[in-house]
Amino acid sequence: MLTTTDDLTPDDIRTARFHMFMSALATGLTILALYLGSELAGGYSPPPDGRSCNPTTESEVCEEDESCVNNQCQRPPTPLPALPCQEGELCGECACEGEFSCDPTSNRCHARQEEVCSPEVVRLLTDLRRFEQEKCQGVGTGAATCAPKDLRNFFIEHQQFNELILGLKNGATVLFDKNQPIAEMPGAQASYYAQEFASLGDRLKQARHILIIGRASQDRHSNQSFDYVLAQARITEVQQWITQIERTPQGQDDMRKKFITLAIGTSNPLEAARLTNSPQHNFIAWRAQATHSVRASLRELADLDAEKLRTLRLWLNRSVFIVPIPCEIPEALANRDAQP
């Protein structure tokens, strides 16, 4: 005999609803348990100690062998993938290939040294030298007092500036971890920079001139004037690291005479894509992990999300660009010959 809802008492209905609820709850808990079990079996592990970070605070919060991943300090689960060698790196610790070859005497990887400059580069360097001397006060200490209007006009007249400069091989971009006064740089970072410059020593000693361009990345916590001062301070620090490559006072004085400097702050920012086709370009960051991260990001540029692209752009413009110039600049040569 079939039972209809008319035959059920209120207690019967409440009991049936209770059993239905408990059955649904049990099913949900079972699904949750299976999901958590699969996550644990897949190797999930929480951050080691829960320290939060971001790209700006990574060097302060995270340990030397950690990176800031998903706003947590984490050690890489696997060894870092090998990248192509940079100038002076030990053979075997990187891929010494392409335009690089391993020196069997020193066991260091070196690129073929450039010996000539194109006519376009010579004209640009001549104009840049004249601009530094005529439009910027304090010649020899960097373009610290170049008028912003003059800088803008210079880049309007030389729209191929970045392309021509990046076309010079064996250059380097020196990266800084944040917009901070150089005086506040931790001692360990300064020591690391000085150590890395030693690998470029031969290139810089043999260069006829050394072009030094200071940039800054304007962010939410800075302004154009402050960024310009930071760019000049970074130039001064890089000049000191380069000068210290020479051990004698005379050698250091000769090195200083090679400098052609320009502090451009946030003017003429550098785009990451322009660095992806420069295999002989070197990068020197504040620690080895940061250098590897920047180089790996450039190699994987097409796959980076918007936030990683923004971080990379900040790093690349929070920098000093140095290029050993292998050729003589006619105007500089004439001035040198005219000296008694």
Protein backbone atom coordinates (compact mmCIF):
# COMPACT_ATOMS: atom_id res chain seq x y z
CA MET A 1 0.00 0.00 0.00
CA LEU A 2 1.47 3.35 -1.04
CA THR A 3 1.88 6.18 1.49
CA THR A 4 1.08 9.73 0.41
CA THR A 5 2.12 13.02 1.98
CA ASP A 6 -1.40 13.30 3.36
CA ASP A 7 -0.73 10.18 5.46
CA LEU A 8 2.54 11.60 6.99
CA THR A 9 2.49 13.36 10.33
CA PRO A 10 4.59 16.54 10.93
CA ASP A 11 7.07 14.41 12.93
CA ASP A 12 7.48 12.05 9.99
CA ILE A 13 8.25 14.95 7.64
CA ARG A 14 10.80 16.46 10.06
CA THR A 15 12.52 13.08 10.43
CA ALA A 16 12.74 12.62 6.66
CA ARG A 17 14.19 16.09 6.17
CA PHE A 18 16.79 15.43 8.89
CA HIS A 19 17.93 12.21 7.21
CA MET A 20 18.20 14.00 3.84
CA PHE A 21 20.34 16.78 5.41
CA MET A 22 22.67 14.32 7.13
CA SER A 23 23.10 12.36 3.88
CA ALA A 24 24.03 15.53 1.94
CA LEU A 25 26.45 16.59 4.71
CA ALA A 26 28.18 13.19 4.67
CA THR A 27 28.55 13.35 0.89
CA GLY A 28 30.09 16.86 1.08
CA LEU A 29 32.58 15.81 3.79
CA THR A 30 33.61 12.80 1.73
CA ILE A 31 34.30 14.97 -1.32
CA LEU A 32 36.30 17.44 0.81
CA ALA A 33 38.39 14.62 2.29
CA LEU A 34 39.15 13.21 -1.14
CA TYR A 35 40.24 16.66 -2.41
CA LEU A 36 42.53 17.32 0.53
CA GLY A 37 44.00 13.86 0.19
CA SER A 38 44.82 14.42 -3.46
CA GLU A 39 46.45 17.76 -2.65
CA LEU A 40 48.64 16.22 0.02
CA ALA A 41 49.54 13.33 -2.27
CA GLY A 42 50.53 15.86 -4.95
CA GLY A 43 53.27 17.28 -2.79
CA TYR A 44 51.60 20.40 -1.41
CA SER A 45 53.46 22.00 1.48
CA PRO A 46 52.82 25.36 3.12
CA PRO A 47 55.47 28.10 3.16
CA PRO A 48 58.25 27.21 5.64
CA ASP A 49 57.56 29.92 8.18
CA GLY A 50 54.83 32.11 6.75
CA ARG A 51 57.00 35.20 6.15
CA SER A 52 55.22 37.53 3.74
CA CYS A 53 57.08 39.58 1.14
CA ASN A 54 56.81 41.43 -2.14
CA PRO A 55 59.37 42.28 -4.87
CA THR A 56 60.38 45.46 -3.01
CA THR A 57 61.01 43.80 0.37
CA GLU A 58 62.43 40.51 -0.91
CA SER A 59 66.07 41.36 -0.11
CA GLU A 60 65.16 42.43 3.44
CA VAL A 61 62.70 39.69 4.40
CA CYS A 62 63.91 36.60 2.53
CA GLU A 63 67.10 34.63 3.06
CA GLU A 64 69.94 34.57 0.51
CA ASP A 65 68.74 31.32 -1.10
CA GLU A 66 65.03 32.28 -1.09
CA SER A 67 62.82 34.12 -3.55
CA CYS A 68 59.50 35.90 -3.09
CA VAL A 69 56.90 33.62 -4.68
CA ASN A 70 53.17 34.32 -4.27
CA ASN A 71 54.04 36.85 -1.54
CA GLN A 72 55.87 34.21 0.52
CA CYS A 73 59.61 33.64 1.03
CA GLN A 74 60.30 30.21 -0.48
CA ARG A 75 63.34 28.21 -1.48
CA PRO A 76 63.30 26.92 -5.08
CA PRO A 77 62.11 23.29 -5.08
CA THR A 78 64.62 22.33 -7.78
CA PRO A 79 68.05 23.64 -8.81
CA LEU A 80 67.93 26.79 -10.91
CA PRO A 81 68.07 26.01 -14.65
CA ALA A 82 71.36 26.75 -16.38
CA LEU A 83 71.49 30.05 -18.24
CA PRO A 84 73.97 31.11 -20.94
CA CYS A 85 77.24 32.35 -19.47
CA GLN A 86 77.96 35.99 -18.89
CA GLU A 87 81.37 37.56 -19.31
CA GLY A 88 83.95 36.04 -16.96
CA GLU A 89 81.78 33.32 -15.41
CA LEU A 90 83.31 29.95 -14.61
CA CYS A 91 82.93 27.38 -17.38
CA GLY A 92 80.74 24.50 -16.27
CA GLU A 93 78.53 26.63 -14.02
CA CYS A 94 76.67 28.00 -17.05
CA ALA A 95 76.28 27.28 -20.77
CA CYS A 96 79.39 28.71 -22.48
CA GLU A 97 78.09 28.71 -26.05
CA GLY A 98 77.08 30.87 -29.00
CA GLU A 99 79.29 33.95 -29.18
CA PHE A 100 81.14 32.88 -26.02
CA SER A 101 84.04 30.46 -25.64
CA CYS A 102 85.89 29.02 -22.66
CA ASP A 103 89.44 30.21 -22.00
CA PRO A 104 91.35 27.03 -21.07
CA THR A 105 93.90 28.99 -19.05
CA SER A 106 91.49 30.74 -16.69
CA ASN A 107 88.52 28.35 -17.15
CA ARG A 108 86.38 31.46 -17.67
CA CYS A 109 83.82 32.11 -20.38
CA HIS A 110 84.51 35.13 -22.61
CA ALA A 111 82.86 36.73 -25.61
CA ARG A 112 84.79 37.96 -28.61
CA GLN A 113 85.85 41.54 -28.03
CA GLU A 114 84.41 44.18 -30.31
CA GLU A 115 87.03 46.34 -32.02
CA VAL A 116 85.11 48.81 -34.20
CA CYS A 117 82.07 51.09 -34.00
CA SER A 118 79.61 51.76 -36.79
CA PRO A 119 79.49 55.30 -38.24
CA GLU A 120 76.04 55.76 -36.64
CA VAL A 121 77.42 54.89 -33.20
CA VAL A 122 80.39 57.24 -33.64
CA ARG A 123 78.04 60.11 -34.52
CA LEU A 124 75.81 59.35 -31.51
CA LEU A 125 78.78 59.20 -29.12
CA THR A 126 80.18 62.44 -30.53
CA ASP A 127 76.84 64.18 -29.98
CA LEU A 128 76.56 62.69 -26.50
CA ARG A 129 80.05 63.85 -25.55
CA ARG A 130 79.29 67.35 -26.80
CA PHE A 131 75.96 67.38 -24.95
CA GLU A 132 77.66 66.35 -21.71
CA GLN A 133 80.26 69.10 -22.03
CA GLU A 134 78.02 71.93 -23.25
CA LYS A 135 74.65 71.31 -21.59
CA CYS A 136 75.63 69.73 -18.26
CA GLN A 137 77.57 71.42 -15.50
CA GLY A 138 80.12 69.57 -13.41
CA VAL A 139 81.77 67.76 -16.34
CA GLY A 140 83.58 64.64 -15.15
CA THR A 141 81.20 64.05 -12.25
CA GLY A 142 78.24 63.05 -14.37
CA ALA A 143 75.28 64.86 -15.89
CA ALA A 144 73.97 65.93 -12.50
CA THR A 145 72.69 69.34 -13.57
CA CYS A 146 71.43 68.78 -17.10
CA ALA A 147 68.18 70.64 -17.62
CA PRO A 148 65.21 68.26 -18.15
CA LYS A 149 64.24 70.26 -21.25
CA ASP A 150 67.69 69.70 -22.76
CA LEU A 151 67.49 65.98 -22.00
CA ARG A 152 64.09 65.72 -23.70
CA ASN A 153 65.38 67.56 -26.76
CA PHE A 154 68.42 65.29 -26.95
CA PHE A 155 66.26 62.15 -27.04
CA ILE A 156 63.88 63.71 -29.55
CA GLU A 157 66.86 64.28 -31.84
CA HIS A 158 68.25 60.78 -31.19
CA GLN A 159 65.23 58.49 -31.24
CA GLN A 160 67.43 55.46 -32.04
CA PHE A 161 69.46 56.00 -28.87
CA ASN A 162 68.58 52.71 -27.15
CA GLU A 163 68.89 50.62 -30.30
CA LEU A 164 72.34 51.99 -31.13
CA ILE A 165 73.65 51.73 -27.57
CA LEU A 166 72.35 48.18 -27.12
CA GLY A 167 73.98 47.31 -30.44
CA LEU A 168 77.35 47.79 -28.74
CA LYS A 169 78.38 44.40 -27.39
CA ASN A 170 79.90 43.52 -24.02
CA GLY A 171 77.84 46.12 -22.15
CA ALA A 172 76.26 45.58 -18.75
CA THR A 173 73.19 46.68 -16.83
CA VAL A 174 73.78 47.18 -13.12
CA LEU A 175 70.48 46.66 -11.23
CA PHE A 176 69.50 48.02 -7.83
CA ASP A 177 66.90 46.41 -5.61
CA LYS A 178 64.84 49.51 -4.79
CA ASN A 179 64.74 53.27 -4.94
CA GLN A 180 66.99 53.96 -1.98
CA PRO A 181 69.91 56.30 -1.39
CA ILE A 182 73.20 54.56 -2.10
CA ALA A 183 74.40 55.43 1.41
CA GLU A 184 71.77 53.03 2.79
CA MET A 185 72.97 50.08 0.70
CA PRO A 186 73.86 47.07 2.91
CA GLY A 187 77.58 46.31 3.02
CA ALA A 188 77.07 42.79 1.66
CA GLN A 189 75.42 44.21 -1.48
CA ALA A 190 78.24 46.69 -2.10
CA SER A 191 80.81 43.89 -1.73
CA TYR A 192 78.91 41.70 -4.18
CA TYR A 193 78.75 44.48 -6.78
CA ALA A 194 82.49 45.14 -6.49
CA GLN A 195 83.20 41.42 -6.86
CA GLU A 196 81.07 41.14 -10.00
CA PHE A 197 82.75 44.13 -11.64
CA ALA A 198 86.04 42.23 -11.51
CA SER A 199 84.73 39.90 -14.26
CA LEU A 200 84.43 42.91 -16.59
CA GLY A 201 87.85 44.25 -15.67
CA ASP A 202 89.67 43.38 -18.91
CA ARG A 203 86.91 44.85 -21.09
CA LEU A 204 86.90 48.12 -19.15
CA LYS A 205 90.69 48.43 -19.02
CA GLN A 206 90.99 47.99 -22.79
CA ALA A 207 88.12 50.34 -23.69
CA ARG A 208 88.85 53.74 -25.26
CA HIS A 209 85.84 55.23 -23.47
CA ILE A 210 83.26 53.95 -20.99
CA LEU A 211 79.67 55.11 -21.44
CA ILE A 212 77.70 55.25 -18.16
CA ILE A 213 73.96 55.97 -18.24
CA GLY A 214 71.95 56.27 -15.02
CA ARG A 215 68.25 55.45 -15.02
CA ALA A 216 65.50 55.37 -12.39
CA SER A 217 62.07 53.73 -12.34
CA GLN A 218 59.42 56.14 -11.20
CA ASP A 219 56.94 54.38 -8.93
CA ARG A 220 54.16 55.37 -6.56
CA HIS A 221 56.59 56.35 -3.81
CA SER A 222 58.91 58.68 -5.73
CA ASN A 223 58.96 61.78 -7.88
CA GLN A 224 60.89 62.79 -10.98
CA SER A 225 63.37 65.04 -9.18
CA PHE A 226 64.16 62.41 -6.56
CA ASP A 227 64.56 59.75 -9.25
CA TYR A 228 67.01 61.97 -11.10
CA VAL A 229 69.12 62.39 -7.97
CA LEU A 230 69.08 58.62 -7.42
CA ALA A 231 70.23 58.03 -11.00
CA GLN A 232 73.19 60.37 -10.45
CA ALA A 233 74.05 58.72 -7.12
CA ARG A 234 74.08 55.32 -8.79
CA ILE A 235 76.37 56.63 -11.52
CA THR A 236 78.80 57.86 -8.86
CA GLU A 237 78.77 54.46 -7.15
CA VAL A 238 79.33 52.60 -10.42
CA GLN A 239 82.18 54.95 -11.32
CA GLN A 240 83.81 54.05 -8.01
CA TRP A 241 83.45 50.29 -8.63
CA ILE A 242 84.94 50.68 -12.12
CA THR A 243 87.80 52.86 -10.89
CA GLN A 244 88.70 50.35 -8.18
CA ILE A 245 89.40 47.74 -10.85
CA GLU A 246 92.72 49.54 -11.30
CA ARG A 247 95.12 49.14 -8.37
CA THR A 248 97.40 52.13 -8.87
CA PRO A 249 96.56 55.87 -8.55
CA GLN A 250 97.72 56.48 -12.14
CA GLY A 251 95.60 53.60 -13.44
CA GLN A 252 92.56 54.89 -11.59
CA ASP A 253 93.07 58.40 -12.96
CA ASP A 254 93.34 57.03 -16.51
CA MET A 255 90.13 55.05 -15.96
CA ARG A 256 88.22 58.17 -14.86
CA LYS A 257 89.24 60.00 -18.03
CA LYS A 258 87.36 57.40 -20.09
CA PHE A 259 83.97 58.15 -18.54
CA ILE A 260 81.14 59.60 -20.61
CA THR A 261 78.18 59.93 -18.26
CA LEU A 262 74.53 60.82 -18.56
CA ALA A 263 71.94 60.70 -15.78
CA ILE A 264 68.53 60.51 -17.44
CA GLY A 265 66.31 59.46 -14.51
CA THR A 266 62.92 58.41 -15.80
CA SER A 267 63.48 59.91 -19.26
CA ASN A 268 63.67 57.46 -22.16
CA PRO A 269 62.75 54.28 -20.21
CA LEU A 270 64.17 50.94 -21.34
CA GLU A 271 61.76 48.21 -22.47
CA ALA A 272 62.53 44.60 -21.60
CA ALA A 273 61.97 43.35 -25.15
CA ARG A 274 64.97 45.36 -26.34
CA LEU A 275 67.30 43.26 -24.18
CA THR A 276 66.18 39.83 -25.32
CA ASN A 277 68.32 39.85 -28.47
CA SER A 278 71.59 40.91 -26.82
CA PRO A 279 73.32 37.64 -25.82
CA GLN A 280 76.59 39.39 -24.94
CA HIS A 281 74.89 41.87 -22.60
CA ASN A 282 75.70 41.30 -18.92
CA PHE A 283 73.58 41.83 -15.82
CA ILE A 284 74.85 42.59 -12.34
CA ALA A 285 72.22 42.71 -9.58
CA TRP A 286 72.49 43.01 -5.81
CA ARG A 287 72.86 39.25 -5.34
CA ALA A 288 73.24 36.14 -7.48
CA GLN A 289 69.61 35.05 -7.01
CA ALA A 290 68.33 38.41 -8.27
CA THR A 291 70.64 38.34 -11.31
CA HIS A 292 69.36 34.88 -12.24
CA SER A 293 65.73 35.93 -11.76
CA VAL A 294 66.09 38.91 -14.09
CA ARG A 295 67.87 36.89 -16.77
CA ALA A 296 65.36 34.04 -16.52
CA SER A 297 62.46 36.52 -16.78
CA LEU A 298 63.94 38.00 -19.96
CA ARG A 299 64.27 34.51 -21.43
CA GLU A 300 60.62 33.75 -20.58
CA LEU A 301 59.36 37.25 -21.38
CA ALA A 302 56.45 36.12 -23.56
CA ASP A 303 55.01 34.00 -20.72
CA LEU A 304 55.19 36.56 -17.90
CA ASP A 305 51.97 37.85 -16.38
CA ALA A 306 51.25 41.56 -15.95
CA GLU A 307 52.61 41.82 -12.40
CA LYS A 308 55.89 40.09 -13.26
CA LEU A 309 56.28 42.32 -16.32
CA ARG A 310 55.78 45.39 -14.15
CA THR A 311 58.38 44.20 -11.65
CA LEU A 312 60.88 43.44 -14.41
CA ARG A 313 60.34 46.88 -15.94
CA LEU A 314 60.98 48.53 -12.57
CA TRP A 315 64.20 46.57 -12.09
CA LEU A 316 65.55 47.27 -15.59
CA ASN A 317 65.05 51.02 -15.21
CA ARG A 318 66.35 51.13 -11.64
CA SER A 319 69.80 50.73 -13.09
CA VAL A 320 73.05 52.00 -14.53
CA PHE A 321 73.96 51.00 -18.07
CA ILE A 322 77.69 50.73 -18.85
CA VAL A 323 79.31 50.08 -22.22
CA PRO A 324 83.03 49.75 -22.95
CA ILE A 325 83.55 51.74 -26.16
CA PRO A 326 86.19 50.10 -28.40
CA CYS A 327 86.61 53.05 -30.79
CA GLU A 328 87.94 56.57 -30.41
CA ILE A 329 85.57 59.53 -30.61
CA PRO A 330 87.00 62.10 -33.07
CA GLU A 331 86.15 65.11 -30.90
CA ALA A 332 87.62 63.52 -27.78
CA LEU A 333 90.74 62.50 -29.72
CA ALA A 334 91.18 66.06 -31.02
CA ASN A 335 90.84 67.49 -27.50
CA ARG A 336 93.35 64.96 -26.18
CA ASP A 337 95.89 65.76 -28.90
CA ALA A 338 95.50 69.47 -28.23
CA GLN A 339 96.49 69.12 -24.58
CA PRO A 340 100.10 70.07 -23.80
